[in-house]
Structures are given as C-alpha cells and as structure tokens.
Amino acid sequence: MRIKELAGKRGWTLKEVAERSELPYSTVATYANSPGMVMVNLLSVQKIARVFDVSIEELVEVLEE
C-alpha cells in the first residue's frame, strides 16, 4: 500500500494517519510496513483511503500477472 508515500506528501506520521482514520496505530503500521501481501480488512482500507481522499485502487498497489 502507498500509505507511507501519501502520508509523507502531507507531512503526516503513521500515528497521525491512524488518528485521522480512527484505526489502531498497529493496523496502519502493519499495512504500511508489509512488503508483500497482507490480509486486510476492507473497511479499514476504505477508512485510510478516505483520509487521503483517494480511491482504494489508488491506495493499494495491485500486482498484475
């Protein structure tokens, strides 16, 4: 996911993203720091996307086969 990239563009920390999305920091940090596939809660991803005013597709890096 592009959480770190989008947060960096706004000058936000992951803690601020967690607060703005009303999600636990551990959830945001797990999604942001996972280098590969990670099981996600779609509602959590939607909350994070809303914080950045982007679509879920824009937030999530989709690997094409």
PDB file of N, CA and C in Angstrom:
ATOM      1  N   MET A   1       0.831  -1.186   0.000  1.00  0.00           N
ATOM      2  CA  MET A   1       0.000   0.000   0.000  1.00  0.00           C
ATOM      3  C   MET A   1       0.872   1.245   0.000  1.00  0.00           C
ATOM      4  N   ARG A   2       0.311   2.305  -0.457  1.00  0.00           N
ATOM      5  CA  ARG A   2       1.046   3.561  -0.601  1.00  0.00           C
ATOM      6  C   ARG A   2       0.877   4.474   0.611  1.00  0.00           C
ATOM      7  N   ILE A   3       0.627   3.925   1.766  1.00  0.00           N
ATOM      8  CA  ILE A   3       0.353   4.729   2.955  1.00  0.00           C
ATOM      9  C   ILE A   3       1.525   5.639   3.288  1.00  0.00           C
ATOM     10  N   LYS A   4       2.728   5.105   3.327  1.00  0.00           N
ATOM     11  CA  LYS A   4       3.899   5.922   3.675  1.00  0.00           C
ATOM     12  C   LYS A   4       4.112   7.036   2.654  1.00  0.00           C
ATOM     13  N   GLU A   5       3.982   6.707   1.398  1.00  0.00           N
ATOM     14  CA  GLU A   5       4.159   7.705   0.335  1.00  0.00           C
ATOM     15  C   GLU A   5       3.150   8.844   0.479  1.00  0.00           C
ATOM     16  N   LEU A   6       1.879   8.497   0.639  1.00  0.00           N
ATOM     17  CA  LEU A   6       0.833   9.509   0.745  1.00  0.00           C
ATOM     18  C   LEU A   6       0.949  10.313   2.034  1.00  0.00           C
ATOM     19  N   ALA A   7       1.304   9.650   3.113  1.00  0.00           N
ATOM     20  CA  ALA A   7       1.493  10.357   4.383  1.00  0.00           C
ATOM     21  C   ALA A   7       2.667  11.326   4.271  1.00  0.00           C
ATOM     22  N   GLY A   8       3.743  10.878   3.663  1.00  0.00           N
ATOM     23  CA  GLY A   8       4.922  11.719   3.504  1.00  0.00           C
ATOM     24  C   GLY A   8       4.635  12.974   2.705  1.00  0.00           C
ATOM     25  N   LYS A   9       3.818  12.855   1.672  1.00  0.00           N
ATOM     26  CA  LYS A   9       3.457  14.014   0.849  1.00  0.00           C
ATOM     27  C   LYS A   9       2.690  15.060   1.655  1.00  0.00           C
ATOM     28  N   ARG A  10       2.016  14.607   2.697  1.00  0.00           N
ATOM     29  CA  ARG A  10       1.238  15.526   3.538  1.00  0.00           C
ATOM     30  C   ARG A  10       1.975  15.923   4.814  1.00  0.00           C
ATOM     31  N   GLY A  11       3.136  15.323   5.019  1.00  0.00           N
ATOM     32  CA  GLY A  11       3.894  15.610   6.231  1.00  0.00           C
ATOM     33  C   GLY A  11       3.310  14.953   7.470  1.00  0.00           C
ATOM     34  N   TRP A  12       2.589  13.849   7.276  1.00  0.00           N
ATOM     35  CA  TRP A  12       1.959  13.130   8.377  1.00  0.00           C
ATOM     36  C   TRP A  12       2.800  11.929   8.777  1.00  0.00           C
ATOM     37  N   THR A  13       2.706  11.564  10.036  1.00  0.00           N
ATOM     38  CA  THR A  13       3.290  10.321  10.525  1.00  0.00           C
ATOM     39  C   THR A  13       2.232   9.225  10.417  1.00  0.00           C
ATOM     40  N   LEU A  14       2.657   7.985  10.590  1.00  0.00           N
ATOM     41  CA  LEU A  14       1.682   6.893  10.603  1.00  0.00           C
ATOM     42  C   LEU A  14       0.730   7.039  11.779  1.00  0.00           C
ATOM     43  N   LYS A  15       1.219   7.583  12.878  1.00  0.00           N
ATOM     44  CA  LYS A  15       0.352   7.819  14.037  1.00  0.00           C
ATOM     45  C   LYS A  15      -0.763   8.800  13.674  1.00  0.00           C
ATOM     46  N   GLU A  16      -0.415   9.842  12.921  1.00  0.00           N
ATOM     47  CA  GLU A  16      -1.438  10.803  12.502  1.00  0.00           C
ATOM     48  C   GLU A  16      -2.442  10.167  11.545  1.00  0.00           C
ATOM     49  N   VAL A  17      -1.971   9.309  10.669  1.00  0.00           N
ATOM     50  CA  VAL A  17      -2.878   8.595   9.764  1.00  0.00           C
ATOM     51  C   VAL A  17      -3.838   7.737  10.584  1.00  0.00           C
ATOM     52  N   ALA A  18      -3.311   7.052  11.585  1.00  0.00           N
ATOM     53  CA  ALA A  18      -4.151   6.215  12.448  1.00  0.00           C
ATOM     54  C   ALA A  18      -5.207   7.058  13.157  1.00  0.00           C
ATOM     55  N   GLU A  19      -4.799   8.202  13.695  1.00  0.00           N
ATOM     56  CA  GLU A  19      -5.748   9.066  14.397  1.00  0.00           C
ATOM     57  C   GLU A  19      -6.818   9.595  13.448  1.00  0.00           C
ATOM     58  N   ARG A  20      -6.409  10.042  12.275  1.00  0.00           N
ATOM     59  CA  ARG A  20      -7.354  10.602  11.308  1.00  0.00           C
ATOM     60  C   ARG A  20      -8.327   9.545  10.783  1.00  0.00           C
ATOM     61  N   SER A  21      -7.864   8.312  10.675  1.00  0.00           N
ATOM     62  CA  SER A  21      -8.718   7.234  10.167  1.00  0.00           C
ATOM     63  C   SER A  21      -9.472   6.514  11.280  1.00  0.00           C
ATOM     64  N   GLU A  22      -9.167   6.885  12.522  1.00  0.00           N
ATOM     65  CA  GLU A  22      -9.794   6.262  13.693  1.00  0.00           C
ATOM     66  C   GLU A  22      -9.547   4.753  13.721  1.00  0.00           C
ATOM     67  N   LEU A  23      -8.320   4.378  13.347  1.00  0.00           N
ATOM     68  CA  LEU A  23      -7.894   2.980  13.386  1.00  0.00           C
ATOM     69  C   LEU A  23      -6.738   2.852  14.360  1.00  0.00           C
ATOM     70  N   PRO A  24      -6.525   1.656  14.899  1.00  0.00           N
ATOM     71  CA  PRO A  24      -5.364   1.463  15.769  1.00  0.00           C
ATOM     72  C   PRO A  24      -4.068   1.694  14.988  1.00  0.00           C
ATOM     73  N   TYR A  25      -3.095   2.280  15.654  1.00  0.00           N
ATOM     74  CA  TYR A  25      -1.792   2.502  15.028  1.00  0.00           C
ATOM     75  C   TYR A  25      -1.225   1.192  14.502  1.00  0.00           C
ATOM     76  N   SER A  26      -1.404   0.113  15.262  1.00  0.00           N
ATOM     77  CA  SER A  26      -0.840  -1.182  14.852  1.00  0.00           C
ATOM     78  C   SER A  26      -1.392  -1.633  13.499  1.00  0.00           C
ATOM     79  N   THR A  27      -2.654  -1.348  13.235  1.00  0.00           N
ATOM     80  CA  THR A  27      -3.256  -1.710  11.949  1.00  0.00           C
ATOM     81  C   THR A  27      -2.623  -0.914  10.819  1.00  0.00           C
ATOM     82  N   VAL A  28      -2.547   0.396  11.003  1.00  0.00           N
ATOM     83  CA  VAL A  28      -1.972   1.262   9.971  1.00  0.00           C
ATOM     84  C   VAL A  28      -0.509   0.900   9.728  1.00  0.00           C
ATOM     85  N   ALA A  29       0.239   0.682  10.795  1.00  0.00           N
ATOM     86  CA  ALA A  29       1.658   0.347  10.666  1.00  0.00           C
ATOM     87  C   ALA A  29       1.851  -0.991   9.952  1.00  0.00           C
ATOM     88  N   THR A  30       1.015  -1.966  10.261  1.00  0.00           N
ATOM     89  CA  THR A  30       1.108  -3.269   9.595  1.00  0.00           C
ATOM     90  C   THR A  30       0.866  -3.121   8.101  1.00  0.00           C
ATOM     91  N   TYR A  31      -0.173  -2.401   7.721  1.00  0.00           N
ATOM     92  CA  TYR A  31      -0.484  -2.205   6.308  1.00  0.00           C
ATOM     93  C   TYR A  31       0.630  -1.424   5.612  1.00  0.00           C
ATOM     94  N   ALA A  32       1.171  -0.421   6.285  1.00  0.00           N
ATOM     95  CA  ALA A  32       2.193   0.438   5.677  1.00  0.00           C
ATOM     96  C   ALA A  32       3.542  -0.254   5.550  1.00  0.00           C
ATOM     97  N   ASN A  33       3.868  -1.123   6.484  1.00  0.00           N
ATOM     98  CA  ASN A  33       5.205  -1.716   6.539  1.00  0.00           C
ATOM     99  C   ASN A  33       5.315  -3.107   5.937  1.00  0.00           C
ATOM    100  N   SER A  34       4.217  -3.670   5.487  1.00  0.00           N
ATOM    101  CA  SER A  34       4.254  -5.018   4.912  1.00  0.00           C
ATOM    102  C   SER A  34       4.769  -4.949   3.480  1.00  0.00           C
ATOM    103  N   PRO A  35       5.893  -5.608   3.206  1.00  0.00           N
ATOM    104  CA  PRO A  35       6.479  -5.530   1.869  1.00  0.00           C
ATOM    105  C   PRO A  35       5.728  -6.340   0.817  1.00  0.00           C
ATOM    106  N   GLY A  36       4.946  -7.294   1.247  1.00  0.00           N
ATOM    107  CA  GLY A  36       4.241  -8.153   0.297  1.00  0.00           C
ATOM    108  C   GLY A  36       2.759  -8.187   0.584  1.00  0.00           C
ATOM    109  N   MET A  37       2.184  -9.313   0.323  1.00  0.00           N
ATOM    110  CA  MET A  37       0.755  -9.497   0.536  1.00  0.00           C
ATOM    111  C   MET A  37       0.457  -9.552   2.027  1.00  0.00           C
ATOM    112  N   VAL A  38      -0.628  -8.932   2.413  1.00  0.00           N
ATOM    113  CA  VAL A  38      -1.072  -8.963   3.796  1.00  0.00           C
ATOM    114  C   VAL A  38      -2.597  -9.018   3.785  1.00  0.00           C
ATOM    115  N   MET A  39      -3.156  -9.783   4.690  1.00  0.00           N
ATOM    116  CA  MET A  39      -4.612  -9.844   4.805  1.00  0.00           C
ATOM    117  C   MET A  39      -5.099  -8.519   5.370  1.00  0.00           C
ATOM    118  N   VAL A  40      -6.073  -7.919   4.708  1.00  0.00           N
ATOM    119  CA  VAL A  40      -6.566  -6.618   5.140  1.00  0.00           C
ATOM    120  C   VAL A  40      -8.064  -6.670   5.385  1.00  0.00           C
ATOM    121  N   ASN A  41      -8.514  -5.752   6.191  1.00  0.00           N
ATOM    122  CA  ASN A  41      -9.934  -5.550   6.417  1.00  0.00           C
ATOM    123  C   ASN A  41     -10.362  -4.447   5.455  1.00  0.00           C
ATOM    124  N   LEU A  42     -11.304  -4.740   4.590  1.00  0.00           N
ATOM    125  CA  LEU A  42     -11.702  -3.786   3.559  1.00  0.00           C
ATOM    126  C   LEU A  42     -12.222  -2.478   4.155  1.00  0.00           C
ATOM    127  N   LEU A  43     -12.934  -2.551   5.264  1.00  0.00           N
ATOM    128  CA  LEU A  43     -13.430  -1.322   5.890  1.00  0.00           C
ATOM    129  C   LEU A  43     -12.280  -0.463   6.398  1.00  0.00           C
ATOM    130  N   SER A  44     -11.235  -1.090   6.910  1.00  0.00           N
ATOM    131  CA  SER A  44     -10.060  -0.346   7.365  1.00  0.00           C
ATOM    132  C   SER A  44      -9.363   0.327   6.190  1.00  0.00           C
ATOM    133  N   VAL A  45      -9.217  -0.395   5.103  1.00  0.00           N
ATOM    134  CA  VAL A  45      -8.580   0.169   3.912  1.00  0.00           C
ATOM    135  C   VAL A  45      -9.408   1.342   3.384  1.00  0.00           C
ATOM    136  N   GLN A  46     -10.718   1.200   3.421  1.00  0.00           N
ATOM    137  CA  GLN A  46     -11.598   2.276   2.972  1.00  0.00           C
ATOM    138  C   GLN A  46     -11.427   3.525   3.839  1.00  0.00           C
ATOM    139  N   LYS A  47     -11.306   3.347   5.142  1.00  0.00           N
ATOM    140  CA  LYS A  47     -11.102   4.488   6.042  1.00  0.00           C
ATOM    141  C   LYS A  47      -9.793   5.207   5.729  1.00  0.00           C
ATOM    142  N   ILE A  48      -8.747   4.435   5.480  1.00  0.00           N
ATOM    143  CA  ILE A  48      -7.450   5.035   5.165  1.00  0.00           C
ATOM    144  C   ILE A  48      -7.528   5.772   3.827  1.00  0.00           C
ATOM    145  N   ALA A  49      -8.167   5.178   2.841  1.00  0.00           N
ATOM    146  CA  ALA A  49      -8.312   5.830   1.536  1.00  0.00           C
ATOM    147  C   ALA A  49      -9.058   7.153   1.673  1.00  0.00           C
ATOM    148  N   ARG A  50     -10.079   7.181   2.488  1.00  0.00           N
ATOM    149  CA  ARG A  50     -10.840   8.422   2.699  1.00  0.00           C
ATOM    150  C   ARG A  50      -9.986   9.514   3.319  1.00  0.00           C
ATOM    151  N   VAL A  51      -9.123   9.146   4.251  1.00  0.00           N
ATOM    152  CA  VAL A  51      -8.238  10.123   4.892  1.00  0.00           C
ATOM    153  C   VAL A  51      -7.374  10.822   3.843  1.00  0.00           C
ATOM    154  N   PHE A  52      -6.917  10.054   2.861  1.00  0.00           N
ATOM    155  CA  PHE A  52      -6.059  10.608   1.813  1.00  0.00           C
ATOM    156  C   PHE A  52      -6.852  11.145   0.620  1.00  0.00           C
ATOM    157  N   ASP A  53      -8.175  10.972   0.642  1.00  0.00           N
ATOM    158  CA  ASP A  53      -9.042  11.399  -0.455  1.00  0.00           C
ATOM    159  C   ASP A  53      -8.623  10.735  -1.771  1.00  0.00           C
ATOM    160  N   VAL A  54      -8.397   9.434  -1.694  1.00  0.00           N
ATOM    161  CA  VAL A  54      -8.065   8.637  -2.879  1.00  0.00           C
ATOM    162  C   VAL A  54      -8.967   7.405  -2.896  1.00  0.00           C
ATOM    163  N   SER A  55      -9.029   6.755  -4.042  1.00  0.00           N
ATOM    164  CA  SER A  55      -9.796   5.513  -4.125  1.00  0.00           C
ATOM    165  C   SER A  55      -8.990   4.374  -3.502  1.00  0.00           C
ATOM    166  N   ILE A  56      -9.676   3.292  -3.218  1.00  0.00           N
ATOM    167  CA  ILE A  56      -8.988   2.110  -2.701  1.00  0.00           C
ATOM    168  C   ILE A  56      -7.957   1.636  -3.726  1.00  0.00           C
ATOM    169  N   GLU A  57      -8.325   1.691  -4.992  1.00  0.00           N
ATOM    170  CA  GLU A  57      -7.406   1.269  -6.051  1.00  0.00           C
ATOM    171  C   GLU A  57      -6.132   2.110  -6.055  1.00  0.00           C
ATOM    172  N   GLU A  58      -6.271   3.413  -5.800  1.00  0.00           N
ATOM    173  CA  GLU A  58      -5.102   4.295  -5.764  1.00  0.00           C
ATOM    174  C   GLU A  58      -4.235   4.029  -4.537  1.00  0.00           C
ATOM    175  N   LEU A  59      -4.861   3.619  -3.456  1.00  0.00           N
ATOM    176  CA  LEU A  59      -4.133   3.349  -2.220  1.00  0.00           C
ATOM    177  C   LEU A  59      -3.375   2.025  -2.288  1.00  0.00           C
ATOM    178  N   VAL A  60      -4.012   1.037  -2.872  1.00  0.00           N
ATOM    179  CA  VAL A  60      -3.459  -0.317  -2.901  1.00  0.00           C
ATOM    180  C   VAL A  60      -2.651  -0.509  -4.178  1.00  0.00           C
ATOM    181  N   GLU A  61      -1.468  -1.033  -4.029  1.00  0.00           N
ATOM    182  CA  GLU A  61      -0.645  -1.354  -5.193  1.00  0.00           C
ATOM    183  C   GLU A  61      -1.050  -2.725  -5.693  1.00  0.00           C
ATOM    184  N   VAL A  62      -1.613  -2.775  -6.865  1.00  0.00           N
ATOM    185  CA  VAL A  62      -2.093  -4.036  -7.421  1.00  0.00           C
ATOM    186  C   VAL A  62      -1.011  -4.633  -8.309  1.00  0.00           C
ATOM    187  N   LEU A  63      -0.679  -5.874  -8.045  1.00  0.00           N
ATOM    188  CA  LEU A  63       0.307  -6.582  -8.860  1.00  0.00           C
ATOM    189  C   LEU A  63      -0.408  -7.269 -10.009  1.00  0.00           C
ATOM    190  N   GLU A  64      -0.007  -6.944 -11.217  1.00  0.00           N
ATOM    191  CA  GLU A  64      -0.619  -7.572 -12.382  1.00  0.00           C
ATOM    192  C   GLU A  64       0.186  -8.798 -12.774  1.00  0.00           C
ATOM    193  N   GLU A  65      -0.527  -9.842 -13.162  1.00  0.00           N
ATOM    194  CA  GLU A  65       0.151 -11.080 -13.575  1.00  0.00           C
ATOM    195  C   GLU A  65       0.211 -11.161 -15.075  1.00  0.00           C
TER     196      GLU A  65
END
